N, C-alpha and C. Protein backbone atom coordinates (compact mmCIF):
# COMPACT_ATOMS: atom_id res chain seq x y z
N MET A 1 5.72 49.79 -45.92
CA MET A 1 4.57 48.68 -45.63
C MET A 1 4.23 48.54 -46.91
N HIS A 2 4.02 47.28 -47.17
CA HIS A 2 3.63 46.97 -48.55
C HIS A 2 2.37 45.64 -48.42
N ILE A 3 1.16 45.97 -48.77
CA ILE A 3 0.76 44.73 -48.55
C ILE A 3 0.31 44.30 -50.10
N SER A 4 -0.16 42.67 -49.96
CA SER A 4 -0.02 42.21 -51.25
C SER A 4 -1.31 42.36 -51.71
N SER A 5 -1.50 42.21 -52.82
CA SER A 5 -2.84 42.47 -53.72
C SER A 5 -3.91 41.48 -53.13
N SER A 6 -3.63 40.10 -52.48
CA SER A 6 -4.59 39.30 -52.25
C SER A 6 -5.01 39.67 -50.79
N ARG A 7 -4.20 40.10 -50.16
CA ARG A 7 -4.50 40.55 -48.83
C ARG A 7 -5.39 41.95 -48.79
N LEU A 8 -5.28 42.85 -49.82
CA LEU A 8 -5.95 43.98 -49.96
C LEU A 8 -7.72 43.73 -50.60
N VAL A 9 -7.38 42.66 -51.40
CA VAL A 9 -8.57 41.93 -51.50
C VAL A 9 -9.37 41.45 -50.65
N ARG A 10 -8.91 40.87 -49.90
CA ARG A 10 -9.55 40.12 -48.65
C ARG A 10 -9.76 41.27 -47.46
N LEU A 11 -9.31 42.18 -47.38
CA LEU A 11 -9.62 43.17 -46.70
C LEU A 11 -10.74 44.21 -47.27
N VAL A 12 -10.74 44.46 -48.43
CA VAL A 12 -11.96 44.79 -49.15
C VAL A 12 -13.23 44.03 -49.03
N VAL A 13 -12.80 43.06 -49.36
CA VAL A 13 -13.93 42.10 -49.09
C VAL A 13 -14.70 41.90 -48.00
N ALA A 14 -13.91 41.71 -46.61
CA ALA A 14 -14.05 41.73 -45.32
C ALA A 14 -14.86 43.02 -44.71
N ALA A 15 -14.44 44.22 -45.22
CA ALA A 15 -15.07 45.58 -45.11
C ALA A 15 -16.44 45.59 -45.69
N ALA A 16 -16.59 45.26 -46.65
CA ALA A 16 -17.66 45.04 -47.56
C ALA A 16 -18.96 44.40 -46.77
N ALA A 17 -18.43 43.28 -46.52
CA ALA A 17 -19.00 42.09 -45.63
C ALA A 17 -19.77 42.72 -44.44
N VAL A 18 -18.95 43.47 -43.49
CA VAL A 18 -19.10 43.92 -42.59
C VAL A 18 -20.32 45.09 -42.56
N CYS A 19 -19.86 46.03 -43.85
CA CYS A 19 -21.09 47.10 -43.92
C CYS A 19 -22.40 46.50 -44.47
N LEU A 20 -22.42 45.19 -45.07
CA LEU A 20 -23.48 44.70 -45.49
C LEU A 20 -24.14 44.31 -44.37
N VAL A 21 -23.68 43.60 -43.45
CA VAL A 21 -24.15 43.11 -42.08
C VAL A 21 -24.73 43.99 -41.38
N THR A 22 -23.93 45.35 -41.55
CA THR A 22 -24.43 46.30 -40.64
C THR A 22 -25.74 46.80 -41.27
N ALA A 23 -25.61 47.23 -42.65
CA ALA A 23 -26.95 47.80 -43.09
C ALA A 23 -28.13 46.99 -43.26
N CYS A 24 -28.22 45.82 -43.29
CA CYS A 24 -29.13 44.88 -43.19
C CYS A 24 -29.61 44.53 -41.60
N ARG A 25 -28.98 44.93 -40.63
CA ARG A 25 -29.70 44.73 -39.41
C ARG A 25 -30.69 45.67 -38.99
N ASP A 26 -31.68 45.22 -38.63
CA ASP A 26 -32.88 45.92 -38.09
C ASP A 26 -32.59 46.41 -36.57
N ASP A 27 -32.58 47.88 -36.51
CA ASP A 27 -32.45 48.74 -35.51
C ASP A 27 -33.45 48.43 -34.38
N ARG A 28 -34.71 48.06 -34.84
CA ARG A 28 -35.94 48.25 -34.07
C ARG A 28 -36.30 46.74 -33.88
N PRO A 29 -36.86 46.60 -32.81
CA PRO A 29 -37.17 45.07 -32.30
C PRO A 29 -38.43 44.84 -33.31
N ALA A 30 -38.88 43.36 -33.57
CA ALA A 30 -40.23 43.01 -34.54
C ALA A 30 -41.08 43.80 -33.72
N GLY A 31 -41.36 43.96 -32.30
CA GLY A 31 -42.62 43.78 -32.01
C GLY A 31 -43.14 45.42 -31.90
N THR A 32 -42.19 46.62 -32.14
CA THR A 32 -42.38 47.80 -32.35
C THR A 32 -43.51 47.95 -33.38
N ALA A 33 -44.16 49.14 -32.78
CA ALA A 33 -45.06 49.72 -34.15
C ALA A 33 -44.25 50.83 -34.78
N LEU A 34 -44.51 51.12 -35.93
CA LEU A 34 -44.30 52.39 -36.96
C LEU A 34 -45.18 53.60 -36.29
N THR A 35 -43.83 54.30 -36.29
CA THR A 35 -44.42 55.78 -35.82
C THR A 35 -45.32 56.54 -36.38
N THR A 36 -45.64 55.96 -37.86
CA THR A 36 -46.67 56.53 -38.40
C THR A 36 -48.15 55.72 -38.29
N ALA A 37 -47.88 54.92 -37.75
CA ALA A 37 -49.22 53.87 -37.36
C ALA A 37 -50.36 54.81 -36.39
N PRO A 38 -51.51 54.70 -36.53
CA PRO A 38 -52.36 55.70 -35.84
C PRO A 38 -52.61 54.88 -34.28
N GLN A 39 -52.40 55.63 -33.52
CA GLN A 39 -52.59 55.12 -31.74
C GLN A 39 -53.88 54.64 -31.79
N ALA A 40 -54.14 53.46 -30.86
CA ALA A 40 -55.56 53.24 -30.53
C ALA A 40 -56.12 54.25 -29.92
N PRO A 41 -57.71 54.49 -29.98
CA PRO A 41 -58.37 55.53 -29.46
C PRO A 41 -58.04 55.18 -27.93
N ARG A 42 -58.03 56.24 -27.30
CA ARG A 42 -58.05 56.08 -25.51
C ARG A 42 -59.41 56.13 -24.96
N LEU A 43 -59.36 55.42 -24.20
CA LEU A 43 -60.64 55.18 -23.43
C LEU A 43 -60.71 56.37 -22.52
N THR A 44 -62.11 57.11 -22.49
CA THR A 44 -62.26 58.24 -21.65
C THR A 44 -63.60 57.79 -20.80
N SER A 45 -63.75 58.66 -19.91
CA SER A 45 -65.24 58.32 -19.11
C SER A 45 -66.25 58.73 -20.25
N ARG A 46 -66.05 59.54 -21.24
CA ARG A 46 -67.31 59.66 -21.90
C ARG A 46 -67.51 58.54 -22.95
N ASN A 47 -66.41 57.77 -23.18
CA ASN A 47 -66.62 56.69 -24.24
C ASN A 47 -66.59 55.27 -23.86
N LEU A 48 -66.50 55.27 -22.47
CA LEU A 48 -66.73 53.98 -21.91
C LEU A 48 -68.16 53.08 -22.27
N PRO A 49 -68.20 51.91 -22.29
CA PRO A 49 -69.66 51.24 -22.44
C PRO A 49 -70.16 51.33 -21.03
N SER A 50 -71.61 51.17 -21.08
CA SER A 50 -72.29 51.44 -19.96
C SER A 50 -72.07 49.74 -18.96
N ASP A 51 -71.60 48.51 -19.71
CA ASP A 51 -71.44 47.71 -18.80
C ASP A 51 -69.86 47.36 -18.46
N ALA A 52 -69.19 48.45 -18.52
CA ALA A 52 -67.54 48.32 -18.32
C ALA A 52 -67.49 47.82 -16.91
N PRO A 53 -66.56 47.12 -16.63
CA PRO A 53 -66.36 46.76 -15.12
C PRO A 53 -65.78 47.77 -14.30
N THR A 54 -66.43 47.62 -13.35
CA THR A 54 -65.96 48.75 -12.30
C THR A 54 -64.35 48.95 -12.21
N ILE A 55 -63.47 48.05 -12.43
CA ILE A 55 -62.34 48.66 -12.26
C ILE A 55 -61.92 49.43 -13.55
N CYS A 56 -62.62 49.26 -14.64
CA CYS A 56 -62.01 50.12 -15.90
C CYS A 56 -62.59 51.20 -15.64
N VAL A 57 -63.89 51.58 -15.02
CA VAL A 57 -64.63 52.62 -14.73
C VAL A 57 -63.55 53.74 -13.95
N ALA A 58 -63.02 53.16 -12.72
CA ALA A 58 -62.21 53.63 -11.68
C ALA A 58 -60.76 53.88 -12.39
N SER A 59 -60.43 53.16 -13.12
CA SER A 59 -58.74 53.50 -13.77
C SER A 59 -59.11 54.58 -14.75
N VAL A 60 -60.25 54.43 -15.69
CA VAL A 60 -60.32 55.49 -16.46
C VAL A 60 -60.60 57.02 -16.07
N ARG A 61 -61.21 56.93 -15.08
CA ARG A 61 -61.55 58.09 -14.09
C ARG A 61 -60.54 58.77 -13.24
N LYS A 62 -59.82 57.75 -12.79
CA LYS A 62 -58.39 58.04 -12.31
C LYS A 62 -57.50 59.12 -13.34
N ARG A 63 -57.35 58.22 -14.28
CA ARG A 63 -56.72 59.00 -15.08
C ARG A 63 -56.69 60.04 -15.87
N ASP A 64 -58.03 60.08 -16.17
CA ASP A 64 -58.49 61.23 -16.72
C ASP A 64 -58.18 62.45 -15.80
N ARG A 65 -58.34 62.37 -14.28
CA ARG A 65 -57.89 63.43 -13.42
C ARG A 65 -56.59 63.76 -13.65
N LEU A 66 -55.76 62.82 -13.78
CA LEU A 66 -54.48 63.03 -13.50
C LEU A 66 -53.70 63.54 -14.88
N LEU A 67 -54.75 63.14 -16.19
CA LEU A 67 -54.27 63.87 -17.37
C LEU A 67 -54.60 65.20 -17.53
N ALA A 68 -55.60 65.60 -16.62
CA ALA A 68 -56.25 67.19 -16.51
C ALA A 68 -55.20 67.87 -15.88
N ILE A 69 -54.18 67.53 -15.08
CA ILE A 69 -53.32 68.23 -14.21
C ILE A 69 -52.41 69.12 -15.30
N ALA A 70 -52.45 70.33 -15.29
CA ALA A 70 -51.41 71.39 -16.28
C ALA A 70 -50.11 71.04 -16.36
N HIS A 71 -49.46 70.62 -15.27
CA HIS A 71 -47.89 70.26 -14.97
C HIS A 71 -47.84 69.10 -14.22
N PRO A 72 -47.95 67.97 -14.76
CA PRO A 72 -47.77 66.71 -14.06
C PRO A 72 -46.16 66.43 -13.74
N THR A 73 -46.21 65.82 -12.31
CA THR A 73 -45.01 65.52 -11.68
C THR A 73 -44.20 64.29 -12.33
N ALA A 74 -43.25 63.86 -12.08
CA ALA A 74 -42.96 62.34 -12.37
C ALA A 74 -43.65 61.37 -12.05
N ALA A 75 -44.15 61.44 -10.44
CA ALA A 75 -44.96 60.79 -10.01
C ALA A 75 -46.48 60.44 -10.40
N ASN A 76 -46.82 61.48 -11.00
CA ASN A 76 -48.10 61.61 -11.80
C ASN A 76 -48.08 60.74 -12.89
N THR A 77 -46.96 60.97 -13.90
CA THR A 77 -46.44 60.34 -15.14
C THR A 77 -46.43 58.81 -15.14
N ARG A 78 -45.63 58.41 -13.79
CA ARG A 78 -45.62 56.95 -13.48
C ARG A 78 -47.29 56.36 -13.25
N ASP A 79 -48.01 56.88 -12.70
CA ASP A 79 -49.35 56.47 -12.42
C ASP A 79 -50.07 56.40 -13.78
N ILE A 80 -49.75 57.52 -14.44
CA ILE A 80 -50.61 57.73 -15.82
C ILE A 80 -50.38 56.36 -16.45
N SER A 81 -49.07 55.95 -16.66
CA SER A 81 -48.71 54.89 -17.14
C SER A 81 -48.89 53.64 -16.87
N ALA A 82 -48.99 53.55 -15.25
CA ALA A 82 -49.33 52.32 -14.70
C ALA A 82 -51.03 51.99 -14.78
N LEU A 83 -51.57 53.08 -14.99
CA LEU A 83 -53.40 53.00 -15.39
C LEU A 83 -53.43 52.74 -16.56
N ASP A 84 -52.59 53.18 -17.56
CA ASP A 84 -52.79 52.99 -19.17
C ASP A 84 -52.74 51.44 -19.15
N ASP A 85 -51.76 50.70 -18.40
CA ASP A 85 -51.35 49.52 -18.45
C ASP A 85 -52.36 48.50 -18.15
N VAL A 86 -53.00 49.07 -16.60
CA VAL A 86 -54.20 48.35 -16.37
C VAL A 86 -55.55 48.25 -17.14
N ILE A 87 -55.73 49.55 -17.98
CA ILE A 87 -56.85 49.80 -18.62
C ILE A 87 -56.66 48.92 -20.13
N ASP A 88 -55.39 48.79 -20.58
CA ASP A 88 -55.11 48.09 -21.81
C ASP A 88 -55.29 46.61 -21.35
N ASP A 89 -54.92 45.95 -20.09
CA ASP A 89 -55.15 44.47 -19.90
C ASP A 89 -56.49 44.38 -19.51
N VAL A 90 -57.31 45.07 -18.53
CA VAL A 90 -58.64 44.87 -18.34
C VAL A 90 -59.78 45.16 -19.00
N CYS A 91 -59.53 46.33 -19.79
CA CYS A 91 -60.82 47.20 -20.58
C CYS A 91 -60.93 46.72 -21.71
N ARG A 92 -59.77 45.98 -22.25
CA ARG A 92 -59.81 45.91 -24.12
C ARG A 92 -59.87 44.21 -24.13
C-alpha cells in the first residue's frame, strides 16, 4: 500500500487540525465556578439577620437539623439540596 506524499501531508494536516480543535475545546461549561474559588458562606441559624423572612428562618433551621445527622440518607441529602436552593433563592 503506497500513500502519495500529498495525501500524507493532507492526513497529517487533518490530524493536527483535529488535535488543535480538541485541545482548544473547553470541557467545562462557561457558568461553572473554579474549584479553587471560595464557597459563599453558608447561612446558619446563628448568622441569620434579625429581620430575615420567616421562610428563610424555617428553611435554615430545618437544613441545620438535617446537617446535624451523623449518617444522612439519600432522602436527607435531597432535602438538604432542596433547602439550599430555597435559601439561595429567597434569602440572598
